[in-house]
């Protein structure tokens, strides 16, 4: 999960930094650091990923076209 994917996922969900922080159970500053590559892997990153995926966003691995995100089919 890249910082750009986190920002794009928030945009797809129309969430603020605070929305994501609340849903992930982390501080707003943690989300901001994750979105600017100022933090590494850890429990906060996993909590952010889980919150985004639980909301219906899929992370797309780089497969020749670059990493991305998309909404799951309902």
PDB file of N, CA and C in Angstrom:
ATOM      1  N   UNK A   1       0.858  -1.171   0.000  1.00  0.00           N
ATOM      2  CA  UNK A   1       0.000   0.000   0.000  1.00  0.00           C
ATOM      3  C   UNK A   1       0.902   1.231   0.000  1.00  0.00           C
ATOM      4  N   UNK A   2       0.725   2.075  -0.999  1.00  0.00           N
ATOM      5  CA  UNK A   2       1.530   3.291  -1.103  1.00  0.00           C
ATOM      6  C   UNK A   2       0.772   4.489  -0.524  1.00  0.00           C
ATOM      7  N   UNK A   3       1.509   5.551  -0.290  1.00  0.00           N
ATOM      8  CA  UNK A   3       0.875   6.771   0.215  1.00  0.00           C
ATOM      9  C   UNK A   3      -0.145   7.305  -0.792  1.00  0.00           C
ATOM     10  N   UNK A   4       0.181   7.204  -2.069  1.00  0.00           N
ATOM     11  CA  UNK A   4      -0.747   7.662  -3.111  1.00  0.00           C
ATOM     12  C   UNK A   4      -2.025   6.822  -3.111  1.00  0.00           C
ATOM     13  N   UNK A   5      -1.900   5.524  -2.864  1.00  0.00           N
ATOM     14  CA  UNK A   5      -3.084   4.670  -2.801  1.00  0.00           C
ATOM     15  C   UNK A   5      -3.973   5.055  -1.625  1.00  0.00           C
ATOM     16  N   UNK A   6      -3.378   5.402  -0.509  1.00  0.00           N
ATOM     17  CA  UNK A   6      -4.176   5.825   0.651  1.00  0.00           C
ATOM     18  C   UNK A   6      -4.950   7.095   0.311  1.00  0.00           C
ATOM     19  N   UNK A   7      -4.267   8.074  -0.282  1.00  0.00           N
ATOM     20  CA  UNK A   7      -4.937   9.325  -0.650  1.00  0.00           C
ATOM     21  C   UNK A   7      -6.050   9.081  -1.667  1.00  0.00           C
ATOM     22  N   UNK A   8      -5.772   8.225  -2.654  1.00  0.00           N
ATOM     23  CA  UNK A   8      -6.774   7.931  -3.676  1.00  0.00           C
ATOM     24  C   UNK A   8      -7.976   7.199  -3.073  1.00  0.00           C
ATOM     25  N   UNK A   9      -7.720   6.287  -2.158  1.00  0.00           N
ATOM     26  CA  UNK A   9      -8.812   5.557  -1.504  1.00  0.00           C
ATOM     27  C   UNK A   9      -9.686   6.510  -0.708  1.00  0.00           C
ATOM     28  N   UNK A  10      -9.057   7.435   0.013  1.00  0.00           N
ATOM     29  CA  UNK A  10      -9.846   8.427   0.767  1.00  0.00           C
ATOM     30  C   UNK A  10     -10.714   9.235  -0.173  1.00  0.00           C
ATOM     31  N   UNK A  11     -10.166   9.593  -1.325  1.00  0.00           N
ATOM     32  CA  UNK A  11     -10.933  10.376  -2.298  1.00  0.00           C
ATOM     33  C   UNK A  11     -12.117   9.568  -2.829  1.00  0.00           C
ATOM     34  N   UNK A  12     -11.891   8.287  -3.136  1.00  0.00           N
ATOM     35  CA  UNK A  12     -12.992   7.439  -3.613  1.00  0.00           C
ATOM     36  C   UNK A  12     -14.115   7.353  -2.589  1.00  0.00           C
ATOM     37  N   UNK A  13     -13.728   7.308  -1.325  1.00  0.00           N
ATOM     38  CA  UNK A  13     -14.711   7.178  -0.251  1.00  0.00           C
ATOM     39  C   UNK A  13     -15.266   8.518   0.218  1.00  0.00           C
ATOM     40  N   UNK A  14     -14.673   9.601  -0.279  1.00  0.00           N
ATOM     41  CA  UNK A  14     -15.058  10.946   0.153  1.00  0.00           C
ATOM     42  C   UNK A  14     -14.867  11.104   1.661  1.00  0.00           C
ATOM     43  N   UNK A  15     -13.743  10.587   2.155  1.00  0.00           N
ATOM     44  CA  UNK A  15     -13.401  10.664   3.578  1.00  0.00           C
ATOM     45  C   UNK A  15     -12.363  11.739   3.817  1.00  0.00           C
ATOM     46  N   UNK A  16     -12.456  12.380   4.950  1.00  0.00           N
ATOM     47  CA  UNK A  16     -11.411  13.279   5.410  1.00  0.00           C
ATOM     48  C   UNK A  16     -10.341  12.459   6.120  1.00  0.00           C
ATOM     49  N   UNK A  17      -9.239  13.095   6.444  1.00  0.00           N
ATOM     50  CA  UNK A  17      -8.203  12.432   7.246  1.00  0.00           C
ATOM     51  C   UNK A  17      -8.806  11.980   8.566  1.00  0.00           C
ATOM     52  N   UNK A  18      -9.630  12.817   9.150  1.00  0.00           N
ATOM     53  CA  UNK A  18     -10.271  12.468  10.424  1.00  0.00           C
ATOM     54  C   UNK A  18     -11.182  11.252  10.278  1.00  0.00           C
ATOM     55  N   UNK A  19     -11.934  11.176   9.174  1.00  0.00           N
ATOM     56  CA  UNK A  19     -12.804  10.021   8.938  1.00  0.00           C
ATOM     57  C   UNK A  19     -11.990   8.729   8.925  1.00  0.00           C
ATOM     58  N   UNK A  20     -10.908   8.735   8.169  1.00  0.00           N
ATOM     59  CA  UNK A  20     -10.075   7.536   8.077  1.00  0.00           C
ATOM     60  C   UNK A  20      -9.440   7.221   9.431  1.00  0.00           C
ATOM     61  N   UNK A  21      -8.957   8.221  10.114  1.00  0.00           N
ATOM     62  CA  UNK A  21      -8.341   7.999  11.427  1.00  0.00           C
ATOM     63  C   UNK A  21      -9.340   7.374  12.397  1.00  0.00           C
ATOM     64  N   UNK A  22     -10.546   7.899  12.418  1.00  0.00           N
ATOM     65  CA  UNK A  22     -11.578   7.358  13.314  1.00  0.00           C
ATOM     66  C   UNK A  22     -11.893   5.909  12.970  1.00  0.00           C
ATOM     67  N   UNK A  23     -12.043   5.619  11.701  1.00  0.00           N
ATOM     68  CA  UNK A  23     -12.399   4.256  11.290  1.00  0.00           C
ATOM     69  C   UNK A  23     -11.254   3.269  11.509  1.00  0.00           C
ATOM     70  N   UNK A  24     -10.018   3.760  11.410  1.00  0.00           N
ATOM     71  CA  UNK A  24      -8.852   2.896  11.600  1.00  0.00           C
ATOM     72  C   UNK A  24      -8.422   2.815  13.064  1.00  0.00           C
ATOM     73  N   UNK A  25      -8.942   3.711  13.887  1.00  0.00           N
ATOM     74  CA  UNK A  25      -8.556   3.718  15.298  1.00  0.00           C
ATOM     75  C   UNK A  25      -7.147   4.230  15.529  1.00  0.00           C
ATOM     76  N   UNK A  26      -6.727   5.172  14.678  1.00  0.00           N
ATOM     77  CA  UNK A  26      -5.404   5.783  14.815  1.00  0.00           C
ATOM     78  C   UNK A  26      -5.561   7.299  14.889  1.00  0.00           C
ATOM     79  N   UNK A  27      -4.487   7.981  15.234  1.00  0.00           N
ATOM     80  CA  UNK A  27      -4.520   9.440  15.323  1.00  0.00           C
ATOM     81  C   UNK A  27      -4.481  10.049  13.918  1.00  0.00           C
ATOM     82  N   UNK A  28      -5.055  11.228  13.773  1.00  0.00           N
ATOM     83  CA  UNK A  28      -5.039  11.933  12.480  1.00  0.00           C
ATOM     84  C   UNK A  28      -3.618  12.120  11.964  1.00  0.00           C
ATOM     85  N   UNK A  29      -2.693  12.426  12.859  1.00  0.00           N
ATOM     86  CA  UNK A  29      -1.306  12.628  12.431  1.00  0.00           C
ATOM     87  C   UNK A  29      -0.711  11.353  11.838  1.00  0.00           C
ATOM     88  N   UNK A  30      -1.155  10.208  12.313  1.00  0.00           N
ATOM     89  CA  UNK A  30      -0.672   8.942  11.778  1.00  0.00           C
ATOM     90  C   UNK A  30      -1.115   8.778  10.332  1.00  0.00           C
ATOM     91  N   UNK A  31      -2.354   9.135  10.049  1.00  0.00           N
ATOM     92  CA  UNK A  31      -2.851   9.067   8.662  1.00  0.00           C
ATOM     93  C   UNK A  31      -2.059  10.036   7.790  1.00  0.00           C
ATOM     94  N   UNK A  32      -1.843  11.232   8.269  1.00  0.00           N
ATOM     95  CA  UNK A  32      -1.085  12.221   7.504  1.00  0.00           C
ATOM     96  C   UNK A  32       0.323  11.716   7.216  1.00  0.00           C
ATOM     97  N   UNK A  33       0.966  11.112   8.212  1.00  0.00           N
ATOM     98  CA  UNK A  33       2.314  10.570   7.993  1.00  0.00           C
ATOM     99  C   UNK A  33       2.282   9.431   6.974  1.00  0.00           C
ATOM    100  N   UNK A  34       1.266   8.593   7.039  1.00  0.00           N
ATOM    101  CA  UNK A  34       1.148   7.484   6.082  1.00  0.00           C
ATOM    102  C   UNK A  34       0.949   8.015   4.661  1.00  0.00           C
ATOM    103  N   UNK A  35       0.247   9.130   4.536  1.00  0.00           N
ATOM    104  CA  UNK A  35      -0.028   9.696   3.213  1.00  0.00           C
ATOM    105  C   UNK A  35       1.149  10.486   2.654  1.00  0.00           C
ATOM    106  N   UNK A  36       2.178  10.685   3.458  1.00  0.00           N
ATOM    107  CA  UNK A  36       3.352  11.422   2.988  1.00  0.00           C
ATOM    108  C   UNK A  36       4.616  10.583   3.085  1.00  0.00           C
ATOM    109  N   UNK A  37       4.457   9.274   3.209  1.00  0.00           N
ATOM    110  CA  UNK A  37       5.590   8.339   3.306  1.00  0.00           C
ATOM    111  C   UNK A  37       6.511   8.639   4.483  1.00  0.00           C
ATOM    112  N   UNK A  38       5.972   9.245   5.531  1.00  0.00           N
ATOM    113  CA  UNK A  38       6.783   9.575   6.699  1.00  0.00           C
ATOM    114  C   UNK A  38       6.708   8.485   7.772  1.00  0.00           C
ATOM    115  N   UNK A  39       6.107   7.365   7.450  1.00  0.00           N
ATOM    116  CA  UNK A  39       6.016   6.253   8.390  1.00  0.00           C
ATOM    117  C   UNK A  39       6.207   4.946   7.636  1.00  0.00           C
ATOM    118  N   UNK A  40       6.663   3.945   8.344  1.00  0.00           N
ATOM    119  CA  UNK A  40       6.898   2.647   7.711  1.00  0.00           C
ATOM    120  C   UNK A  40       5.811   1.660   8.064  1.00  0.00           C
ATOM    121  N   UNK A  41       6.008   0.418   7.651  1.00  0.00           N
ATOM    122  CA  UNK A  41       5.029  -0.622   7.949  1.00  0.00           C
ATOM    123  C   UNK A  41       4.867  -0.819   9.454  1.00  0.00           C
ATOM    124  N   UNK A  42       3.690  -1.190   9.852  1.00  0.00           N
ATOM    125  CA  UNK A  42       3.422  -1.432  11.262  1.00  0.00           C
ATOM    126  C   UNK A  42       1.938  -1.623  11.491  1.00  0.00           C
ATOM    127  N   UNK A  43       1.562  -1.667  12.773  1.00  0.00           N
ATOM    128  CA  UNK A  43       0.156  -1.920  13.090  1.00  0.00           C
ATOM    129  C   UNK A  43      -0.755  -0.804  12.606  1.00  0.00           C
ATOM    130  N   UNK A  44      -0.275   0.431  12.606  1.00  0.00           N
ATOM    131  CA  UNK A  44      -1.111   1.550  12.144  1.00  0.00           C
ATOM    132  C   UNK A  44      -1.390   1.427  10.648  1.00  0.00           C
ATOM    133  N   UNK A  45      -0.368   1.039   9.876  1.00  0.00           N
ATOM    134  CA  UNK A  45      -0.563   0.856   8.436  1.00  0.00           C
ATOM    135  C   UNK A  45      -1.591  -0.240   8.176  1.00  0.00           C
ATOM    136  N   UNK A  46      -1.514  -1.308   8.932  1.00  0.00           N
ATOM    137  CA  UNK A  46      -2.467  -2.402   8.761  1.00  0.00           C
ATOM    138  C   UNK A  46      -3.885  -1.967   9.140  1.00  0.00           C
ATOM    139  N   UNK A  47      -4.007  -1.163  10.190  1.00  0.00           N
ATOM    140  CA  UNK A  47      -5.319  -0.668  10.604  1.00  0.00           C
ATOM    141  C   UNK A  47      -5.916   0.234   9.525  1.00  0.00           C
ATOM    142  N   UNK A  48      -5.076   1.055   8.906  1.00  0.00           N
ATOM    143  CA  UNK A  48      -5.530   1.937   7.832  1.00  0.00           C
ATOM    144  C   UNK A  48      -5.981   1.100   6.638  1.00  0.00           C
ATOM    145  N   UNK A  49      -5.181   0.114   6.266  1.00  0.00           N
ATOM    146  CA  UNK A  49      -5.537  -0.757   5.143  1.00  0.00           C
ATOM    147  C   UNK A  49      -6.873  -1.468   5.406  1.00  0.00           C
ATOM    148  N   UNK A  50      -7.033  -2.004   6.593  1.00  0.00           N
ATOM    149  CA  UNK A  50      -8.255  -2.736   6.940  1.00  0.00           C
ATOM    150  C   UNK A  50      -9.471  -1.821   6.873  1.00  0.00           C
ATOM    151  N   UNK A  51      -9.366  -0.617   7.403  1.00  0.00           N
ATOM    152  CA  UNK A  51     -10.486   0.320   7.378  1.00  0.00           C
ATOM    153  C   UNK A  51     -10.891   0.651   5.946  1.00  0.00           C
ATOM    154  N   UNK A  52      -9.904   0.855   5.095  1.00  0.00           N
ATOM    155  CA  UNK A  52     -10.189   1.181   3.691  1.00  0.00           C
ATOM    156  C   UNK A  52     -10.814  -0.015   2.982  1.00  0.00           C
ATOM    157  N   UNK A  53     -10.252  -1.193   3.192  1.00  0.00           N
ATOM    158  CA  UNK A  53     -10.797  -2.384   2.541  1.00  0.00           C
ATOM    159  C   UNK A  53     -12.195  -2.713   3.059  1.00  0.00           C
ATOM    160  N   UNK A  54     -12.411  -2.538   4.357  1.00  0.00           N
ATOM    161  CA  UNK A  54     -13.746  -2.792   4.924  1.00  0.00           C
ATOM    162  C   UNK A  54     -14.794  -1.850   4.347  1.00  0.00           C
ATOM    163  N   UNK A  55     -14.357  -0.676   3.878  1.00  0.00           N
ATOM    164  CA  UNK A  55     -15.278   0.293   3.287  1.00  0.00           C
ATOM    165  C   UNK A  55     -15.547   0.001   1.808  1.00  0.00           C
ATOM    166  N   UNK A  56     -14.861  -1.008   1.258  1.00  0.00           N
ATOM    167  CA  UNK A  56     -15.163  -1.400  -0.112  1.00  0.00           C
ATOM    168  C   UNK A  56     -14.146  -1.006  -1.157  1.00  0.00           C
ATOM    169  N   UNK A  57     -12.940  -0.668  -0.745  1.00  0.00           N
ATOM    170  CA  UNK A  57     -11.906  -0.301  -1.708  1.00  0.00           C
ATOM    171  C   UNK A  57     -10.912  -1.453  -1.825  1.00  0.00           C
ATOM    172  N   UNK A  58     -10.531  -1.761  -3.047  1.00  0.00           N
ATOM    173  CA  UNK A  58      -9.508  -2.772  -3.310  1.00  0.00           C
ATOM    174  C   UNK A  58      -8.213  -2.090  -3.693  1.00  0.00           C
ATOM    175  N   UNK A  59      -7.119  -2.616  -3.186  1.00  0.00           N
ATOM    176  CA  UNK A  59      -5.800  -2.128  -3.581  1.00  0.00           C
ATOM    177  C   UNK A  59      -5.336  -2.958  -4.771  1.00  0.00           C
ATOM    178  N   UNK A  60      -4.848  -2.290  -5.803  1.00  0.00           N
ATOM    179  CA  UNK A  60      -4.366  -2.946  -7.014  1.00  0.00           C
ATOM    180  C   UNK A  60      -2.844  -2.881  -6.993  1.00  0.00           C
ATOM    181  N   UNK A  61      -2.234  -4.051  -7.061  1.00  0.00           N
ATOM    182  CA  UNK A  61      -0.776  -4.130  -7.059  1.00  0.00           C
ATOM    183  C   UNK A  61      -0.223  -3.645  -8.400  1.00  0.00           C
ATOM    184  N   UNK A  62       1.008  -3.153  -8.389  1.00  0.00           N
ATOM    185  CA  UNK A  62       1.613  -2.756  -9.659  1.00  0.00           C
ATOM    186  C   UNK A  62       1.739  -3.984 -10.557  1.00  0.00           C
ATOM    187  N   UNK A  63       1.200  -3.902 -11.725  1.00  0.00           N
ATOM    188  CA  UNK A  63       1.239  -5.036 -12.648  1.00  0.00           C
ATOM    189  C   UNK A  63       1.548  -4.551 -14.058  1.00  0.00           C
ATOM    190  N   UNK A  64       2.520  -3.688 -14.146  1.00  0.00           N
ATOM    191  CA  UNK A  64       2.866  -3.126 -15.441  1.00  0.00           C
ATOM    192  C   UNK A  64       2.228  -1.767 -15.668  1.00  0.00           C
ATOM    193  N   UNK A  65       1.128  -1.510 -14.973  1.00  0.00           N
ATOM    194  CA  UNK A  65       0.440  -0.236 -15.144  1.00  0.00           C
ATOM    195  C   UNK A  65       0.507   0.631 -13.910  1.00  0.00           C
ATOM    196  N   UNK A  66       1.169   0.180 -12.879  1.00  0.00           N
ATOM    197  CA  UNK A  66       1.275   0.942 -11.645  1.00  0.00           C
ATOM    198  C   UNK A  66       0.229   0.549 -10.647  1.00  0.00           C
ATOM    199  N   UNK A  67       0.506   0.851  -9.392  1.00  0.00           N
ATOM    200  CA  UNK A  67      -0.411   0.547  -8.292  1.00  0.00           C
ATOM    201  C   UNK A  67      -1.622   1.459  -8.374  1.00  0.00           C
ATOM    202  N   UNK A  68      -2.733   0.999  -7.803  1.00  0.00           N
ATOM    203  CA  UNK A  68      -3.944   1.813  -7.822  1.00  0.00           C
ATOM    204  C   UNK A  68      -4.947   1.326  -6.803  1.00  0.00           C
ATOM    205  N   UNK A  69      -6.148   1.888  -6.880  1.00  0.00           N
ATOM    206  CA  UNK A  69      -7.275   1.492  -6.039  1.00  0.00           C
ATOM    207  C   UNK A  69      -8.538   1.503  -6.879  1.00  0.00           C
ATOM    208  N   UNK A  70      -9.521   0.732  -6.447  1.00  0.00           N
ATOM    209  CA  UNK A  70     -10.815   0.753  -7.108  1.00  0.00           C
ATOM    210  C   UNK A  70     -11.877   0.323  -6.095  1.00  0.00           C
ATOM    211  N   UNK A  71     -13.104   0.723  -6.364  1.00  0.00           N
ATOM    212  CA  UNK A  71     -14.218   0.294  -5.537  1.00  0.00           C
ATOM    213  C   UNK A  71     -14.623  -1.109  -5.926  1.00  0.00           C
ATOM    214  N   UNK A  72     -14.927  -1.929  -4.939  1.00  0.00           N
ATOM    215  CA  UNK A  72     -15.412  -3.290  -5.201  1.00  0.00           C
ATOM    216  C   UNK A  72     -16.808  -3.193  -5.801  1.00  0.00           C
ATOM    217  N   UNK A  73     -17.179  -4.204  -6.548  1.00  0.00           N
ATOM    218  CA  UNK A  73     -18.541  -4.275  -7.055  1.00  0.00           C
ATOM    219  C   UNK A  73     -19.472  -4.512  -5.883  1.00  0.00           C
ATOM    220  N   UNK A  74     -20.654  -3.875  -5.908  1.00  0.00           N
ATOM    221  CA  UNK A  74     -21.583  -4.070  -4.792  1.00  0.00           C
ATOM    222  C   UNK A  74     -22.090  -5.497  -4.703  1.00  0.00           C
TER     223      UNK A  74
END
